[in-house]
Structure formats: structure tokens, C-alpha cells
Amino acid sequence: MKTPLFLVLSAAALLALGSTLHAQAPAAAKSPQQILQAMKLKNQELLEKQAVTLQKLEELEKDAEQLKIFGKRS
């Protein structure tokens, strides 16, 4: 009774591991130039996100200064 269940679970594990390893193989086949281009693209996206965040922070800083000024007046 335990042997068929063990065989089925073993077969399922092998299939799962085999598909995972197969899915990772194309990523390793990239050339150094392709890796560099992907890194440049990711860095550019990160810089754009940081610029947007910096702009929001500057706006928040201006709003905070205005609140301080209005708080002192009242």
C-alpha cells in the first residue's frame, strides 16, 4: 500500500524538479552583453522610480514648511 504512494510522490517530485531546472537553463545561456543590457535597463527603471520619489519628497517638504508657517500665524 505504501509503495505505490511512494512511487507516485517520487515521480511527481522528479517531474517538478525537472521542469524547474529546465526553466532555469535559458537564463544561464545569456551572453555577458545581454546580461549587461538587462542590468542597464533595470538601473534606468530604478533611477526613474527614484526621481519620482524624490519629487514627491520635495513636494512633501514644501507642504510641511507651509504648515509650519500657517501654524505660527494662528
N, C-alpha and C. Protein backbone atom coordinates (compact mmCIF):
# COMPACT_ATOMS: atom_id res chain seq x y z
N MET A 1 0.81 -1.19 0.00
CA MET A 1 0.00 0.00 0.00
C MET A 1 0.86 1.26 0.00
N LYS A 2 1.95 1.26 0.77
CA LYS A 2 2.81 2.44 0.85
C LYS A 2 3.68 2.57 -0.38
N THR A 3 4.04 1.49 -1.03
CA THR A 3 4.94 1.54 -2.18
C THR A 3 4.35 2.30 -3.35
N PRO A 4 3.09 2.08 -3.77
CA PRO A 4 2.55 2.87 -4.90
C PRO A 4 2.48 4.37 -4.58
N LEU A 5 2.12 4.70 -3.36
CA LEU A 5 2.05 6.11 -2.98
C LEU A 5 3.45 6.73 -3.04
N PHE A 6 4.44 6.00 -2.55
CA PHE A 6 5.81 6.48 -2.58
C PHE A 6 6.28 6.68 -4.02
N LEU A 7 5.94 5.75 -4.89
CA LEU A 7 6.34 5.86 -6.30
C LEU A 7 5.68 7.06 -6.97
N VAL A 8 4.42 7.28 -6.67
CA VAL A 8 3.70 8.42 -7.27
C VAL A 8 4.30 9.74 -6.77
N LEU A 9 4.57 9.82 -5.47
CA LEU A 9 5.16 11.05 -4.92
C LEU A 9 6.56 11.27 -5.46
N SER A 10 7.33 10.21 -5.61
CA SER A 10 8.68 10.34 -6.16
C SER A 10 8.63 10.81 -7.61
N ALA A 11 7.73 10.25 -8.38
CA ALA A 11 7.59 10.65 -9.78
C ALA A 11 7.16 12.12 -9.88
N ALA A 12 6.25 12.53 -9.03
CA ALA A 12 5.80 13.92 -9.04
C ALA A 12 6.95 14.87 -8.67
N ALA A 13 7.74 14.48 -7.69
CA ALA A 13 8.87 15.31 -7.28
C ALA A 13 9.89 15.43 -8.41
N LEU A 14 10.17 14.33 -9.08
CA LEU A 14 11.12 14.36 -10.19
C LEU A 14 10.62 15.24 -11.34
N LEU A 15 9.35 15.15 -11.63
CA LEU A 15 8.80 15.99 -12.69
C LEU A 15 8.87 17.47 -12.31
N ALA A 16 8.57 17.77 -11.05
CA ALA A 16 8.62 19.16 -10.60
C ALA A 16 10.04 19.70 -10.65
N LEU A 17 10.99 18.92 -10.19
CA LEU A 17 12.38 19.36 -10.22
C LEU A 17 12.89 19.47 -11.66
N GLY A 18 12.49 18.57 -12.50
CA GLY A 18 12.93 18.59 -13.89
C GLY A 18 12.41 19.81 -14.62
N SER A 19 11.19 20.19 -14.38
CA SER A 19 10.64 21.37 -15.05
C SER A 19 11.28 22.65 -14.51
N THR A 20 11.61 22.67 -13.23
CA THR A 20 12.26 23.84 -12.66
C THR A 20 13.65 24.02 -13.24
N LEU A 21 14.40 22.94 -13.32
CA LEU A 21 15.74 23.03 -13.88
C LEU A 21 15.70 23.41 -15.35
N HIS A 22 14.74 22.89 -16.07
CA HIS A 22 14.62 23.21 -17.48
C HIS A 22 14.27 24.69 -17.67
N ALA A 23 13.44 25.23 -16.79
CA ALA A 23 13.04 26.63 -16.91
C ALA A 23 14.20 27.57 -16.61
N GLN A 24 15.15 27.12 -15.80
CA GLN A 24 16.27 27.98 -15.44
C GLN A 24 17.38 27.94 -16.48
N ALA A 25 17.43 26.95 -17.33
CA ALA A 25 18.52 26.80 -18.28
C ALA A 25 18.62 27.97 -19.27
N PRO A 26 17.53 28.48 -19.85
CA PRO A 26 17.68 29.58 -20.80
C PRO A 26 18.27 30.84 -20.19
N ALA A 27 18.03 31.08 -18.90
CA ALA A 27 18.58 32.27 -18.27
C ALA A 27 20.10 32.19 -18.21
N ALA A 28 20.65 31.00 -18.04
CA ALA A 28 22.09 30.83 -17.95
C ALA A 28 22.74 30.96 -19.33
N ALA A 29 21.97 30.84 -20.39
CA ALA A 29 22.51 30.87 -21.74
C ALA A 29 22.72 32.30 -22.27
N LYS A 30 22.39 33.30 -21.46
CA LYS A 30 22.55 34.68 -21.91
C LYS A 30 24.02 35.04 -22.02
N SER A 31 24.31 35.87 -22.98
CA SER A 31 25.69 36.33 -23.15
C SER A 31 25.96 37.46 -22.15
N PRO A 32 27.22 37.75 -21.87
CA PRO A 32 27.53 38.85 -20.95
C PRO A 32 26.96 40.19 -21.43
N GLN A 33 26.92 40.39 -22.72
CA GLN A 33 26.37 41.64 -23.26
C GLN A 33 24.87 41.73 -22.97
N GLN A 34 24.15 40.63 -23.10
CA GLN A 34 22.72 40.63 -22.81
C GLN A 34 22.48 40.87 -21.33
N ILE A 35 23.32 40.29 -20.48
CA ILE A 35 23.20 40.50 -19.04
C ILE A 35 23.43 41.96 -18.71
N LEU A 36 24.46 42.55 -19.33
CA LEU A 36 24.77 43.96 -19.10
C LEU A 36 23.62 44.86 -19.54
N GLN A 37 23.04 44.57 -20.69
CA GLN A 37 21.92 45.37 -21.18
C GLN A 37 20.72 45.26 -20.24
N ALA A 38 20.47 44.06 -19.72
CA ALA A 38 19.37 43.87 -18.78
C ALA A 38 19.63 44.65 -17.49
N MET A 39 20.89 44.64 -17.04
CA MET A 39 21.24 45.39 -15.84
C MET A 39 21.08 46.89 -16.05
N LYS A 40 21.47 47.38 -17.22
CA LYS A 40 21.32 48.79 -17.54
C LYS A 40 19.84 49.19 -17.55
N LEU A 41 19.00 48.33 -18.12
CA LEU A 41 17.57 48.61 -18.16
C LEU A 41 17.00 48.66 -16.75
N LYS A 42 17.37 47.70 -15.92
CA LYS A 42 16.88 47.69 -14.53
C LYS A 42 17.36 48.93 -13.79
N ASN A 43 18.61 49.31 -14.00
CA ASN A 43 19.14 50.51 -13.34
C ASN A 43 18.41 51.76 -13.80
N GLN A 44 18.10 51.85 -15.09
CA GLN A 44 17.37 53.01 -15.60
C GLN A 44 15.98 53.09 -14.99
N GLU A 45 15.31 51.94 -14.88
CA GLU A 45 13.99 51.91 -14.26
C GLU A 45 14.07 52.34 -12.79
N LEU A 46 15.11 51.88 -12.11
CA LEU A 46 15.29 52.25 -10.71
C LEU A 46 15.55 53.75 -10.56
N LEU A 47 16.36 54.31 -11.45
CA LEU A 47 16.62 55.75 -11.41
C LEU A 47 15.36 56.56 -11.65
N GLU A 48 14.51 56.10 -12.56
CA GLU A 48 13.25 56.79 -12.82
C GLU A 48 12.35 56.75 -11.60
N LYS A 49 12.28 55.59 -10.94
CA LYS A 49 11.46 55.48 -9.73
C LYS A 49 12.01 56.39 -8.64
N GLN A 50 13.33 56.45 -8.52
CA GLN A 50 13.93 57.31 -7.51
C GLN A 50 13.66 58.78 -7.80
N ALA A 51 13.67 59.17 -9.06
CA ALA A 51 13.39 60.56 -9.42
C ALA A 51 11.96 60.93 -9.05
N VAL A 52 11.03 60.02 -9.30
CA VAL A 52 9.62 60.27 -8.94
C VAL A 52 9.49 60.37 -7.42
N THR A 53 10.16 59.49 -6.71
CA THR A 53 10.11 59.52 -5.25
C THR A 53 10.72 60.80 -4.70
N LEU A 54 11.83 61.22 -5.27
CA LEU A 54 12.47 62.46 -4.84
C LEU A 54 11.55 63.65 -5.07
N GLN A 55 10.86 63.68 -6.19
CA GLN A 55 9.94 64.77 -6.47
C GLN A 55 8.81 64.80 -5.44
N LYS A 56 8.28 63.62 -5.10
CA LYS A 56 7.21 63.55 -4.09
C LYS A 56 7.72 64.02 -2.74
N LEU A 57 8.94 63.63 -2.40
CA LEU A 57 9.51 64.05 -1.12
C LEU A 57 9.71 65.57 -1.07
N GLU A 58 10.15 66.14 -2.17
CA GLU A 58 10.32 67.60 -2.22
C GLU A 58 8.98 68.31 -2.06
N GLU A 59 7.94 67.76 -2.68
CA GLU A 59 6.60 68.35 -2.54
C GLU A 59 6.12 68.25 -1.10
N LEU A 60 6.39 67.10 -0.46
CA LEU A 60 6.00 66.94 0.94
C LEU A 60 6.77 67.91 1.84
N GLU A 61 8.03 68.14 1.52
CA GLU A 61 8.83 69.08 2.30
C GLU A 61 8.27 70.50 2.18
N LYS A 62 7.87 70.89 0.97
CA LYS A 62 7.26 72.21 0.76
C LYS A 62 5.96 72.33 1.54
N ASP A 63 5.15 71.27 1.49
CA ASP A 63 3.88 71.28 2.23
C ASP A 63 4.13 71.38 3.73
N ALA A 64 5.14 70.69 4.21
CA ALA A 64 5.45 70.73 5.64
C ALA A 64 5.90 72.13 6.05
N GLU A 65 6.68 72.79 5.21
CA GLU A 65 7.12 74.16 5.50
C GLU A 65 5.93 75.11 5.55
N GLN A 66 4.99 74.92 4.62
CA GLN A 66 3.79 75.78 4.62
C GLN A 66 2.97 75.56 5.88
N LEU A 67 2.87 74.30 6.31
CA LEU A 67 2.12 74.02 7.53
C LEU A 67 2.79 74.67 8.74
N LYS A 68 4.11 74.67 8.76
CA LYS A 68 4.82 75.33 9.87
C LYS A 68 4.54 76.83 9.88
N ILE A 69 4.54 77.43 8.69
CA ILE A 69 4.29 78.86 8.58
C ILE A 69 2.86 79.19 9.02
N PHE A 70 1.89 78.40 8.55
CA PHE A 70 0.49 78.65 8.92
C PHE A 70 0.25 78.37 10.39
N GLY A 71 0.99 77.42 10.94
CA GLY A 71 0.85 77.10 12.36
C GLY A 71 1.35 78.23 13.24
N LYS A 72 2.39 78.91 12.81
CA LYS A 72 2.94 80.03 13.57
C LYS A 72 2.03 81.25 13.51
N ARG A 73 1.31 81.41 12.42
CA ARG A 73 0.42 82.57 12.26
C ARG A 73 -0.81 82.49 13.13
N SER A 74 -1.30 81.29 13.37
CA SER A 74 -2.56 81.19 14.12
C SER A 74 -2.36 81.04 15.60
